[in-house]
PDB file of N, CA and C in Angstrom:
ATOM      1  N   UNK A   1      30.161 -25.846  26.586  1.00  0.00           N
ATOM      2  CA  UNK A   1      29.052 -25.574  25.705  1.00  0.00           C
ATOM      3  C   UNK A   1      28.480 -24.193  26.024  1.00  0.00           C
ATOM      4  N   UNK A   2      28.323 -23.403  25.021  1.00  0.00           N
ATOM      5  CA  UNK A   2      27.747 -22.080  25.245  1.00  0.00           C
ATOM      6  C   UNK A   2      26.259 -22.108  24.922  1.00  0.00           C
ATOM      7  N   UNK A   3      25.548 -21.254  25.611  1.00  0.00           N
ATOM      8  CA  UNK A   3      24.114 -21.152  25.364  1.00  0.00           C
ATOM      9  C   UNK A   3      23.867 -20.428  24.046  1.00  0.00           C
ATOM     10  N   UNK A   4      22.688 -20.646  23.517  1.00  0.00           N
ATOM     11  CA  UNK A   4      22.316 -19.969  22.276  1.00  0.00           C
ATOM     12  C   UNK A   4      22.196 -18.468  22.541  1.00  0.00           C
ATOM     13  N   UNK A   5      22.505 -17.681  21.524  1.00  0.00           N
ATOM     14  CA  UNK A   5      22.438 -16.229  21.650  1.00  0.00           C
ATOM     15  C   UNK A   5      20.980 -15.804  21.724  1.00  0.00           C
ATOM     16  N   UNK A   6      20.596 -15.209  22.841  1.00  0.00           N
ATOM     17  CA  UNK A   6      19.211 -14.737  23.014  1.00  0.00           C
ATOM     18  C   UNK A   6      19.174 -13.240  23.272  1.00  0.00           C
ATOM     19  N   UNK A   7      20.200 -12.524  22.865  1.00  0.00           N
ATOM     20  CA  UNK A   7      20.262 -11.085  23.124  1.00  0.00           C
ATOM     21  C   UNK A   7      19.194 -10.309  22.366  1.00  0.00           C
ATOM     22  N   UNK A   8      18.641 -10.890  21.332  1.00  0.00           N
ATOM     23  CA  UNK A   8      17.639 -10.186  20.537  1.00  0.00           C
ATOM     24  C   UNK A   8      16.209 -10.415  20.988  1.00  0.00           C
ATOM     25  N   UNK A   9      16.005 -11.071  22.131  1.00  0.00           N
ATOM     26  CA  UNK A   9      14.645 -11.387  22.572  1.00  0.00           C
ATOM     27  C   UNK A   9      13.804 -10.127  22.784  1.00  0.00           C
ATOM     28  N   UNK A  10      14.367  -9.094  23.401  1.00  0.00           N
ATOM     29  CA  UNK A  10      13.605  -7.863  23.650  1.00  0.00           C
ATOM     30  C   UNK A  10      13.193  -7.216  22.327  1.00  0.00           C
ATOM     31  N   UNK A  11      14.126  -7.108  21.395  1.00  0.00           N
ATOM     32  CA  UNK A  11      13.806  -6.528  20.089  1.00  0.00           C
ATOM     33  C   UNK A  11      12.766  -7.377  19.360  1.00  0.00           C
ATOM     34  N   UNK A  12      12.898  -8.700  19.466  1.00  0.00           N
ATOM     35  CA  UNK A  12      11.942  -9.589  18.803  1.00  0.00           C
ATOM     36  C   UNK A  12      10.543  -9.415  19.392  1.00  0.00           C
ATOM     37  N   UNK A  13      10.451  -9.281  20.709  1.00  0.00           N
ATOM     38  CA  UNK A  13       9.145  -9.078  21.351  1.00  0.00           C
ATOM     39  C   UNK A  13       8.546  -7.739  20.933  1.00  0.00           C
ATOM     40  N   UNK A  14       9.360  -6.693  20.893  1.00  0.00           N
ATOM     41  CA  UNK A  14       8.856  -5.368  20.503  1.00  0.00           C
ATOM     42  C   UNK A  14       8.301  -5.405  19.086  1.00  0.00           C
ATOM     43  N   UNK A  15       9.039  -5.985  18.154  1.00  0.00           N
ATOM     44  CA  UNK A  15       8.562  -6.054  16.775  1.00  0.00           C
ATOM     45  C   UNK A  15       7.341  -6.959  16.645  1.00  0.00           C
ATOM     46  N   UNK A  16       7.288  -8.029  17.411  1.00  0.00           N
ATOM     47  CA  UNK A  16       6.128  -8.919  17.359  1.00  0.00           C
ATOM     48  C   UNK A  16       4.876  -8.210  17.869  1.00  0.00           C
ATOM     49  N   UNK A  17       5.009  -7.437  18.938  1.00  0.00           N
ATOM     50  CA  UNK A  17       3.865  -6.691  19.472  1.00  0.00           C
ATOM     51  C   UNK A  17       3.417  -5.627  18.464  1.00  0.00           C
ATOM     52  N   UNK A  18       4.365  -4.898  17.889  1.00  0.00           N
ATOM     53  CA  UNK A  18       4.026  -3.872  16.890  1.00  0.00           C
ATOM     54  C   UNK A  18       3.329  -4.518  15.694  1.00  0.00           C
ATOM     55  N   UNK A  19       3.851  -5.636  15.220  1.00  0.00           N
ATOM     56  CA  UNK A  19       3.252  -6.311  14.064  1.00  0.00           C
ATOM     57  C   UNK A  19       1.853  -6.821  14.387  1.00  0.00           C
ATOM     58  N   UNK A  20       1.666  -7.331  15.591  1.00  0.00           N
ATOM     59  CA  UNK A  20       0.345  -7.846  15.973  1.00  0.00           C
ATOM     60  C   UNK A  20      -0.662  -6.713  16.068  1.00  0.00           C
ATOM     61  N   UNK A  21      -0.291  -5.627  16.743  1.00  0.00           N
ATOM     62  CA  UNK A  21      -1.215  -4.493  16.875  1.00  0.00           C
ATOM     63  C   UNK A  21      -1.491  -3.821  15.528  1.00  0.00           C
ATOM     64  N   UNK A  22      -0.489  -3.785  14.675  1.00  0.00           N
ATOM     65  CA  UNK A  22      -0.679  -3.195  13.352  1.00  0.00           C
ATOM     66  C   UNK A  22      -1.463  -4.086  12.403  1.00  0.00           C
ATOM     67  N   UNK A  23      -1.438  -5.386  12.655  1.00  0.00           N
ATOM     68  CA  UNK A  23      -2.119  -6.324  11.759  1.00  0.00           C
ATOM     69  C   UNK A  23      -3.633  -6.262  11.909  1.00  0.00           C
ATOM     70  N   UNK A  24      -4.128  -6.004  13.105  1.00  0.00           N
ATOM     71  CA  UNK A  24      -5.577  -6.015  13.311  1.00  0.00           C
ATOM     72  C   UNK A  24      -6.315  -5.003  12.426  1.00  0.00           C
ATOM     73  N   UNK A  25      -5.958  -3.712  12.429  1.00  0.00           N
ATOM     74  CA  UNK A  25      -6.674  -2.786  11.545  1.00  0.00           C
ATOM     75  C   UNK A  25      -6.412  -3.061  10.065  1.00  0.00           C
ATOM     76  N   UNK A  26      -5.198  -3.500   9.731  1.00  0.00           N
ATOM     77  CA  UNK A  26      -4.894  -3.789   8.325  1.00  0.00           C
ATOM     78  C   UNK A  26      -5.710  -4.966   7.822  1.00  0.00           C
ATOM     79  N   UNK A  27      -5.840  -6.004   8.637  1.00  0.00           N
ATOM     80  CA  UNK A  27      -6.639  -7.171   8.244  1.00  0.00           C
ATOM     81  C   UNK A  27      -8.109  -6.793   8.152  1.00  0.00           C
ATOM     82  N   UNK A  28      -8.588  -6.018   9.106  1.00  0.00           N
ATOM     83  CA  UNK A  28      -9.992  -5.601   9.073  1.00  0.00           C
ATOM     84  C   UNK A  28     -10.266  -4.778   7.811  1.00  0.00           C
ATOM     85  N   UNK A  29      -9.414  -3.801   7.529  1.00  0.00           N
ATOM     86  CA  UNK A  29      -9.601  -2.950   6.358  1.00  0.00           C
ATOM     87  C   UNK A  29      -9.529  -3.764   5.071  1.00  0.00           C
ATOM     88  N   UNK A  30      -8.550  -4.647   4.966  1.00  0.00           N
ATOM     89  CA  UNK A  30      -8.404  -5.485   3.769  1.00  0.00           C
ATOM     90  C   UNK A  30      -9.616  -6.389   3.593  1.00  0.00           C
ATOM     91  N   UNK A  31     -10.109  -6.948   4.699  1.00  0.00           N
ATOM     92  CA  UNK A  31     -11.294  -7.805   4.631  1.00  0.00           C
ATOM     93  C   UNK A  31     -12.529  -7.050   4.172  1.00  0.00           C
ATOM     94  N   UNK A  32     -12.752  -5.860   4.728  1.00  0.00           N
ATOM     95  CA  UNK A  32     -13.920  -5.057   4.338  1.00  0.00           C
ATOM     96  C   UNK A  32     -13.835  -4.653   2.875  1.00  0.00           C
ATOM     97  N   UNK A  33     -12.680  -4.153   2.456  1.00  0.00           N
ATOM     98  CA  UNK A  33     -12.508  -3.757   1.049  1.00  0.00           C
ATOM     99  C   UNK A  33     -12.642  -4.982   0.145  1.00  0.00           C
ATOM    100  N   UNK A  34     -12.065  -6.112   0.552  1.00  0.00           N
ATOM    101  CA  UNK A  34     -12.153  -7.333  -0.258  1.00  0.00           C
ATOM    102  C   UNK A  34     -13.567  -7.832  -0.408  1.00  0.00           C
ATOM    103  N   UNK A  35     -14.323  -7.846   0.694  1.00  0.00           N
ATOM    104  CA  UNK A  35     -15.724  -8.288   0.630  1.00  0.00           C
ATOM    105  C   UNK A  35     -16.541  -7.333  -0.232  1.00  0.00           C
ATOM    106  N   UNK A  36     -16.335  -6.029  -0.046  1.00  0.00           N
ATOM    107  CA  UNK A  36     -17.082  -5.058  -0.839  1.00  0.00           C
ATOM    108  C   UNK A  36     -16.723  -5.190  -2.314  1.00  0.00           C
ATOM    109  N   UNK A  37     -15.440  -5.263  -2.634  1.00  0.00           N
ATOM    110  CA  UNK A  37     -15.013  -5.344  -4.036  1.00  0.00           C
ATOM    111  C   UNK A  37     -15.437  -6.659  -4.671  1.00  0.00           C
ATOM    112  N   UNK A  38     -15.480  -7.742  -3.906  1.00  0.00           N
ATOM    113  CA  UNK A  38     -15.876  -9.039  -4.460  1.00  0.00           C
ATOM    114  C   UNK A  38     -17.376  -9.130  -4.673  1.00  0.00           C
ATOM    115  N   UNK A  39     -18.139  -8.286  -3.988  1.00  0.00           N
ATOM    116  CA  UNK A  39     -19.598  -8.379  -4.095  1.00  0.00           C
ATOM    117  C   UNK A  39     -20.163  -7.585  -5.264  1.00  0.00           C
ATOM    118  N   UNK A  40     -19.363  -6.762  -5.889  1.00  0.00           N
ATOM    119  CA  UNK A  40     -19.832  -5.998  -7.049  1.00  0.00           C
ATOM    120  C   UNK A  40     -19.307  -6.653  -8.328  1.00  0.00           C
ATOM    121  N   UNK A  41     -19.948  -6.404  -9.449  1.00  0.00           N
ATOM    122  CA  UNK A  41     -19.465  -6.998 -10.709  1.00  0.00           C
ATOM    123  C   UNK A  41     -18.056  -6.516 -11.065  1.00  0.00           C
ATOM    124  N   UNK A  42     -17.312  -7.375 -11.750  1.00  0.00           N
ATOM    125  CA  UNK A  42     -15.954  -7.012 -12.168  1.00  0.00           C
ATOM    126  C   UNK A  42     -15.956  -5.901 -13.211  1.00  0.00           C
ATOM    127  N   UNK A  43     -16.900  -5.962 -14.128  1.00  0.00           N
ATOM    128  CA  UNK A  43     -16.989  -4.974 -15.199  1.00  0.00           C
ATOM    129  C   UNK A  43     -18.272  -4.187 -15.032  1.00  0.00           C
ATOM    130  N   UNK A  44     -18.207  -2.892 -15.349  1.00  0.00           N
ATOM    131  CA  UNK A  44     -19.418  -2.090 -15.255  1.00  0.00           C
ATOM    132  C   UNK A  44     -20.432  -2.577 -16.287  1.00  0.00           C
ATOM    133  N   UNK A  45     -21.655  -2.659 -15.869  1.00  0.00           N
ATOM    134  CA  UNK A  45     -22.719  -3.115 -16.751  1.00  0.00           C
ATOM    135  C   UNK A  45     -22.949  -4.613 -16.719  1.00  0.00           C
ATOM    136  N   UNK A  46     -22.052  -5.373 -16.108  1.00  0.00           N
ATOM    137  CA  UNK A  46     -22.254  -6.818 -16.033  1.00  0.00           C
ATOM    138  C   UNK A  46     -22.928  -7.172 -14.713  1.00  0.00           C
ATOM    139  N   UNK A  47     -23.313  -8.423 -14.593  1.00  0.00           N
ATOM    140  CA  UNK A  47     -23.962  -8.852 -13.354  1.00  0.00           C
ATOM    141  C   UNK A  47     -23.094  -9.899 -12.668  1.00  0.00           C
ATOM    142  N   UNK A  48     -23.414 -10.211 -11.445  1.00  0.00           N
ATOM    143  CA  UNK A  48     -22.658 -11.219 -10.709  1.00  0.00           C
ATOM    144  C   UNK A  48     -21.651 -10.591  -9.769  1.00  0.00           C
ATOM    145  N   UNK A  49     -20.707 -11.397  -9.357  1.00  0.00           N
ATOM    146  CA  UNK A  49     -19.688 -10.932  -8.428  1.00  0.00           C
ATOM    147  C   UNK A  49     -18.309 -11.044  -9.060  1.00  0.00           C
ATOM    148  N   UNK A  50     -17.313 -10.536  -8.369  1.00  0.00           N
ATOM    149  CA  UNK A  50     -15.944 -10.546  -8.894  1.00  0.00           C
ATOM    150  C   UNK A  50     -15.091 -11.466  -8.029  1.00  0.00           C
ATOM    151  N   UNK A  51     -15.044 -12.721  -8.402  1.00  0.00           N
ATOM    152  CA  UNK A  51     -14.306 -13.721  -7.630  1.00  0.00           C
ATOM    153  C   UNK A  51     -12.810 -13.442  -7.522  1.00  0.00           C
ATOM    154  N   UNK A  52     -12.113 -12.960  -8.575  1.00  0.00           N
ATOM    155  CA  UNK A  52     -10.672 -12.716  -8.433  1.00  0.00           C
ATOM    156  C   UNK A  52     -10.325 -11.734  -7.310  1.00  0.00           C
ATOM    157  N   UNK A  53     -11.165 -10.750  -7.093  1.00  0.00           N
ATOM    158  CA  UNK A  53     -10.894  -9.791  -6.020  1.00  0.00           C
ATOM    159  C   UNK A  53     -11.079 -10.455  -4.662  1.00  0.00           C
ATOM    160  N   UNK A  54     -12.074 -11.327  -4.553  1.00  0.00           N
ATOM    161  CA  UNK A  54     -12.273 -12.052  -3.298  1.00  0.00           C
ATOM    162  C   UNK A  54     -11.099 -12.959  -2.971  1.00  0.00           C
ATOM    163  N   UNK A  55     -10.598 -13.655  -3.973  1.00  0.00           N
ATOM    164  CA  UNK A  55      -9.436 -14.527  -3.779  1.00  0.00           C
ATOM    165  C   UNK A  55      -8.215 -13.685  -3.425  1.00  0.00           C
ATOM    166  N   UNK A  56      -8.042 -12.554  -4.099  1.00  0.00           N
ATOM    167  CA  UNK A  56      -6.909 -11.673  -3.807  1.00  0.00           C
ATOM    168  C   UNK A  56      -6.993 -11.128  -2.386  1.00  0.00           C
ATOM    169  N   UNK A  57      -8.198 -10.830  -1.914  1.00  0.00           N
ATOM    170  CA  UNK A  57      -8.361 -10.342  -0.547  1.00  0.00           C
ATOM    171  C   UNK A  57      -7.984 -11.418   0.462  1.00  0.00           C
ATOM    172  N   UNK A  58      -8.340 -12.660   0.192  1.00  0.00           N
ATOM    173  CA  UNK A  58      -7.971 -13.760   1.089  1.00  0.00           C
ATOM    174  C   UNK A  58      -6.451 -13.914   1.131  1.00  0.00           C
ATOM    175  N   UNK A  59      -5.809 -13.851  -0.025  1.00  0.00           N
ATOM    176  CA  UNK A  59      -4.348 -13.965  -0.080  1.00  0.00           C
ATOM    177  C   UNK A  59      -3.701 -12.791   0.667  1.00  0.00           C
ATOM    178  N   UNK A  60      -4.240 -11.590   0.496  1.00  0.00           N
ATOM    179  CA  UNK A  60      -3.696 -10.413   1.179  1.00  0.00           C
ATOM    180  C   UNK A  60      -3.826 -10.558   2.696  1.00  0.00           C
ATOM    181  N   UNK A  61      -4.968 -11.054   3.167  1.00  0.00           N
ATOM    182  CA  UNK A  61      -5.153 -11.255   4.604  1.00  0.00           C
ATOM    183  C   UNK A  61      -4.169 -12.302   5.126  1.00  0.00           C
ATOM    184  N   UNK A  62      -3.914 -13.348   4.350  1.00  0.00           N
ATOM    185  CA  UNK A  62      -2.946 -14.362   4.771  1.00  0.00           C
ATOM    186  C   UNK A  62      -1.536 -13.777   4.883  1.00  0.00           C
ATOM    187  N   UNK A  63      -1.155 -12.896   3.951  1.00  0.00           N
ATOM    188  CA  UNK A  63       0.143 -12.226   4.050  1.00  0.00           C
ATOM    189  C   UNK A  63       0.216 -11.388   5.320  1.00  0.00           C
ATOM    190  N   UNK A  64      -0.872 -10.662   5.610  1.00  0.00           N
ATOM    191  CA  UNK A  64      -0.886  -9.810   6.795  1.00  0.00           C
ATOM    192  C   UNK A  64      -0.886 -10.630   8.085  1.00  0.00           C
ATOM    193  N   UNK A  65      -1.486 -11.802   8.056  1.00  0.00           N
ATOM    194  CA  UNK A  65      -1.462 -12.683   9.230  1.00  0.00           C
ATOM    195  C   UNK A  65      -0.098 -13.329   9.422  1.00  0.00           C
ATOM    196  N   UNK A  66       0.604 -13.572   8.343  1.00  0.00           N
ATOM    197  CA  UNK A  66       1.892 -14.265   8.419  1.00  0.00           C
ATOM    198  C   UNK A  66       2.951 -13.432   9.135  1.00  0.00           C
ATOM    199  N   UNK A  67       2.911 -12.121   8.995  1.00  0.00           N
ATOM    200  CA  UNK A  67       3.946 -11.270   9.597  1.00  0.00           C
ATOM    201  C   UNK A  67       4.001 -11.414  11.116  1.00  0.00           C
ATOM    202  N   UNK A  68       2.897 -11.233  11.842  1.00  0.00           N
ATOM    203  CA  UNK A  68       3.001 -11.392  13.299  1.00  0.00           C
ATOM    204  C   UNK A  68       3.334 -12.824  13.713  1.00  0.00           C
ATOM    205  N   UNK A  69       2.822 -13.792  12.983  1.00  0.00           N
ATOM    206  CA  UNK A  69       3.112 -15.183  13.329  1.00  0.00           C
ATOM    207  C   UNK A  69       4.610 -15.457  13.205  1.00  0.00           C
ATOM    208  N   UNK A  70       5.209 -15.001  12.111  1.00  0.00           N
ATOM    209  CA  UNK A  70       6.649 -15.205  11.930  1.00  0.00           C
ATOM    210  C   UNK A  70       7.460 -14.480  13.001  1.00  0.00           C
ATOM    211  N   UNK A  71       7.013 -13.296  13.382  1.00  0.00           N
ATOM    212  CA  UNK A  71       7.755 -12.560  14.399  1.00  0.00           C
ATOM    213  C   UNK A  71       7.596 -13.176  15.783  1.00  0.00           C
ATOM    214  N   UNK A  72       6.427 -13.757  16.091  1.00  0.00           N
ATOM    215  CA  UNK A  72       6.282 -14.442  17.385  1.00  0.00           C
ATOM    216  C   UNK A  72       7.104 -15.720  17.404  1.00  0.00           C
ATOM    217  N   UNK A  73       7.257 -16.374  16.262  1.00  0.00           N
ATOM    218  CA  UNK A  73       8.160 -17.531  16.197  1.00  0.00           C
ATOM    219  C   UNK A  73       9.593 -17.060  16.456  1.00  0.00           C
ATOM    220  N   UNK A  74       9.909 -15.896  15.962  1.00  0.00           N
ATOM    221  CA  UNK A  74      11.249 -15.322  16.163  1.00  0.00           C
ATOM    222  C   UNK A  74      11.513 -15.051  17.649  1.00  0.00           C
ATOM    223  N   UNK A  75      10.469 -14.750  18.429  1.00  0.00           N
ATOM    224  CA  UNK A  75      10.635 -14.519  19.863  1.00  0.00           C
ATOM    225  C   UNK A  75      11.136 -15.789  20.550  1.00  0.00           C
ATOM    226  N   UNK A  76      10.655 -16.938  20.096  1.00  0.00           N
ATOM    227  CA  UNK A  76      11.057 -18.202  20.706  1.00  0.00           C
ATOM    228  C   UNK A  76      12.544 -18.479  20.457  1.00  0.00           C
ATOM    229  N   UNK A  77      13.012 -18.161  19.263  1.00  0.00           N
ATOM    230  CA  UNK A  77      14.426 -18.361  18.915  1.00  0.00           C
ATOM    231  C   UNK A  77      14.988 -17.040  18.402  1.00  0.00           C
ATOM    232  N   UNK A  78      15.275 -16.088  19.314  1.00  0.00           N
ATOM    233  CA  UNK A  78      15.578 -14.724  18.894  1.00  0.00           C
ATOM    234  C   UNK A  78      16.906 -14.511  18.190  1.00  0.00           C
ATOM    235  N   UNK A  79      17.967 -15.183  18.589  1.00  0.00           N
ATOM    236  CA  UNK A  79      19.269 -14.919  17.988  1.00  0.00           C
ATOM    237  C   UNK A  79      19.805 -13.571  18.440  1.00  0.00           C
ATOM    238  N   UNK A  80      20.563 -12.924  17.587  1.00  0.00           N
ATOM    239  CA  UNK A  80      21.192 -11.650  17.957  1.00  0.00           C
ATOM    240  C   UNK A  80      20.206 -10.496  17.830  1.00  0.00           C
ATOM    241  N   UNK A  81      20.554  -9.383  18.459  1.00  0.00           N
ATOM    242  CA  UNK A  81      19.695  -8.195  18.401  1.00  0.00           C
ATOM    243  C   UNK A  81      19.607  -7.665  16.973  1.00  0.00           C
ATOM    244  N   UNK A  82      20.727  -7.606  16.281  1.00  0.00           N
ATOM    245  CA  UNK A  82      20.720  -7.127  14.894  1.00  0.00           C
ATOM    246  C   UNK A  82      19.851  -7.981  13.991  1.00  0.00           C
ATOM    247  N   UNK A  83      19.927  -9.289  14.178  1.00  0.00           N
ATOM    248  CA  UNK A  83      19.094 -10.188  13.384  1.00  0.00           C
ATOM    249  C   UNK A  83      17.622 -10.015  13.686  1.00  0.00           C
ATOM    250  N   UNK A  84      17.290  -9.811  14.966  1.00  0.00           N
ATOM    251  CA  UNK A  84      15.888  -9.608  15.350  1.00  0.00           C
ATOM    252  C   UNK A  84      15.349  -8.301  14.785  1.00  0.00           C
ATOM    253  N   UNK A  85      16.168  -7.249  14.826  1.00  0.00           N
ATOM    254  CA  UNK A  85      15.738  -5.951  14.282  1.00  0.00           C
ATOM    255  C   UNK A  85      15.579  -6.043  12.768  1.00  0.00           C
ATOM    256  N   UNK A  86      16.530  -6.670  12.095  1.00  0.00           N
ATOM    257  CA  UNK A  86      16.439  -6.812  10.637  1.00  0.00           C
ATOM    258  C   UNK A  86      15.208  -7.625  10.248  1.00  0.00           C
ATOM    259  N   UNK A  87      14.969  -8.732  10.924  1.00  0.00           N
ATOM    260  CA  UNK A  87      13.796  -9.548  10.625  1.00  0.00           C
ATOM    261  C   UNK A  87      12.518  -8.765  10.867  1.00  0.00           C
ATOM    262  N   UNK A  88      12.459  -8.028  11.978  1.00  0.00           N
ATOM    263  CA  UNK A  88      11.279  -7.237  12.297  1.00  0.00           C
ATOM    264  C   UNK A  88      10.997  -6.175  11.256  1.00  0.00           C
ATOM    265  N   UNK A  89      12.020  -5.426  10.871  1.00  0.00           N
ATOM    266  CA  UNK A  89      11.825  -4.369   9.872  1.00  0.00           C
ATOM    267  C   UNK A  89      11.432  -4.936   8.515  1.00  0.00           C
ATOM    268  N   UNK A  90      12.113  -5.996   8.106  1.00  0.00           N
ATOM    269  CA  UNK A  90      11.800  -6.595   6.805  1.00  0.00           C
ATOM    270  C   UNK A  90      10.365  -7.109   6.793  1.00  0.00           C
ATOM    271  N   UNK A  91       9.967  -7.776   7.870  1.00  0.00           N
ATOM    272  CA  UNK A  91       8.619  -8.335   7.931  1.00  0.00           C
ATOM    273  C   UNK A  91       7.569  -7.237   7.959  1.00  0.00           C
ATOM    274  N   UNK A  92       7.813  -6.173   8.722  1.00  0.00           N
ATOM    275  CA  UNK A  92       6.844  -5.081   8.799  1.00  0.00           C
ATOM    276  C   UNK A  92       6.712  -4.320   7.485  1.00  0.00           C
ATOM    277  N   UNK A  93       7.743  -4.350   6.666  1.00  0.00           N
ATOM    278  CA  UNK A  93       7.695  -3.651   5.384  1.00  0.00           C
ATOM    279  C   UNK A  93       7.184  -4.569   4.275  1.00  0.00           C
ATOM    280  N   UNK A  94       7.641  -5.807   4.251  1.00  0.00           N
ATOM    281  CA  UNK A  94       7.334  -6.709   3.140  1.00  0.00           C
ATOM    282  C   UNK A  94       5.887  -7.205   3.179  1.00  0.00           C
ATOM    283  N   UNK A  95       5.367  -7.553   4.346  1.00  0.00           N
ATOM    284  CA  UNK A  95       4.009  -8.116   4.424  1.00  0.00           C
ATOM    285  C   UNK A  95       2.949  -7.167   3.862  1.00  0.00           C
ATOM    286  N   UNK A  96       2.922  -5.885   4.258  1.00  0.00           N
ATOM    287  CA  UNK A  96       1.928  -4.987   3.647  1.00  0.00           C
ATOM    288  C   UNK A  96       2.134  -4.789   2.145  1.00  0.00           C
ATOM    289  N   UNK A  97       3.392  -4.793   1.700  1.00  0.00           N
ATOM    290  CA  UNK A  97       3.636  -4.647   0.255  1.00  0.00           C
ATOM    291  C   UNK A  97       3.133  -5.866  -0.517  1.00  0.00           C
ATOM    292  N   UNK A  98       3.337  -7.063   0.033  1.00  0.00           N
ATOM    293  CA  UNK A  98       2.802  -8.265  -0.620  1.00  0.00           C
ATOM    294  C   UNK A  98       1.278  -8.242  -0.631  1.00  0.00           C
ATOM    295  N   UNK A  99       0.674  -7.785   0.459  1.00  0.00           N
ATOM    296  CA  UNK A  99      -0.788  -7.688   0.512  1.00  0.00           C
ATOM    297  C   UNK A  99      -1.297  -6.671  -0.511  1.00  0.00           C
ATOM    298  N   UNK A 100      -0.621  -5.540  -0.616  1.00  0.00           N
ATOM    299  CA  UNK A 100      -1.005  -4.532  -1.604  1.00  0.00           C
ATOM    300  C   UNK A 100      -0.868  -5.081  -3.020  1.00  0.00           C
ATOM    301  N   UNK A 101       0.214  -5.819  -3.260  1.00  0.00           N
ATOM    302  CA  UNK A 101       0.397  -6.425  -4.579  1.00  0.00           C
ATOM    303  C   UNK A 101      -0.680  -7.440  -4.905  1.00  0.00           C
ATOM    304  N   UNK A 102      -1.081  -8.234  -3.910  1.00  0.00           N
ATOM    305  CA  UNK A 102      -2.145  -9.220  -4.138  1.00  0.00           C
ATOM    306  C   UNK A 102      -3.468  -8.533  -4.453  1.00  0.00           C
ATOM    307  N   UNK A 103      -3.784  -7.479  -3.721  1.00  0.00           N
ATOM    308  CA  UNK A 103      -5.032  -6.759  -3.989  1.00  0.00           C
ATOM    309  C   UNK A 103      -4.986  -6.063  -5.345  1.00  0.00           C
ATOM    310  N   UNK A 104      -3.847  -5.499  -5.698  1.00  0.00           N
ATOM    311  CA  UNK A 104      -3.720  -4.831  -7.005  1.00  0.00           C
ATOM    312  C   UNK A 104      -3.859  -5.832  -8.139  1.00  0.00           C
ATOM    313  N   UNK A 105      -3.271  -7.008  -7.956  1.00  0.00           N
ATOM    314  CA  UNK A 105      -3.384  -8.044  -8.966  1.00  0.00           C
ATOM    315  C   UNK A 105      -4.830  -8.507  -9.101  1.00  0.00           C
ATOM    316  N   UNK A 106      -5.533  -8.644  -7.989  1.00  0.00           N
ATOM    317  CA  UNK A 106      -6.940  -9.037  -8.021  1.00  0.00           C
ATOM    318  C   UNK A 106      -7.806  -8.013  -8.743  1.00  0.00           C
ATOM    319  N   UNK A 107      -7.498  -6.738  -8.570  1.00  0.00           N
ATOM    320  CA  UNK A 107      -8.266  -5.692  -9.256  1.00  0.00           C
ATOM    321  C   UNK A 107      -7.924  -5.624 -10.727  1.00  0.00           C
ATOM    322  N   UNK A 108      -6.710  -6.017 -11.097  1.00  0.00           N
ATOM    323  CA  UNK A 108      -6.283  -5.941 -12.499  1.00  0.00           C
ATOM    324  C   UNK A 108      -6.844  -7.086 -13.327  1.00  0.00           C
ATOM    325  N   UNK A 109      -7.180  -8.192 -12.670  1.00  0.00           N
ATOM    326  CA  UNK A 109      -7.661  -9.363 -13.424  1.00  0.00           C
ATOM    327  C   UNK A 109      -9.067  -9.132 -13.898  1.00  0.00           C
TER     328      UNK A 109
END
């Protein structure tokens, strides 16, 4: 019986640390912009708040939180180095794009 391939553990840890450190300012910025945008009216001249932007900000923060969580799960079961690097790069690129898309959709509604 051969052991599971764990050659990608170092790469998985590096990407998980980068994603975690990068997520903190991105989540903070998204939260501040989301709270500010949700507290003003959706249309100029109207009153009230803009709930779609608040919901979009929550969804964007969840996308940004998911990236480091998925990469730390990857540390537990790293697999090959190439797989760990591919997962890390895809996650670091896709999560901010999904968050940007959620915020853009919230502003468009």
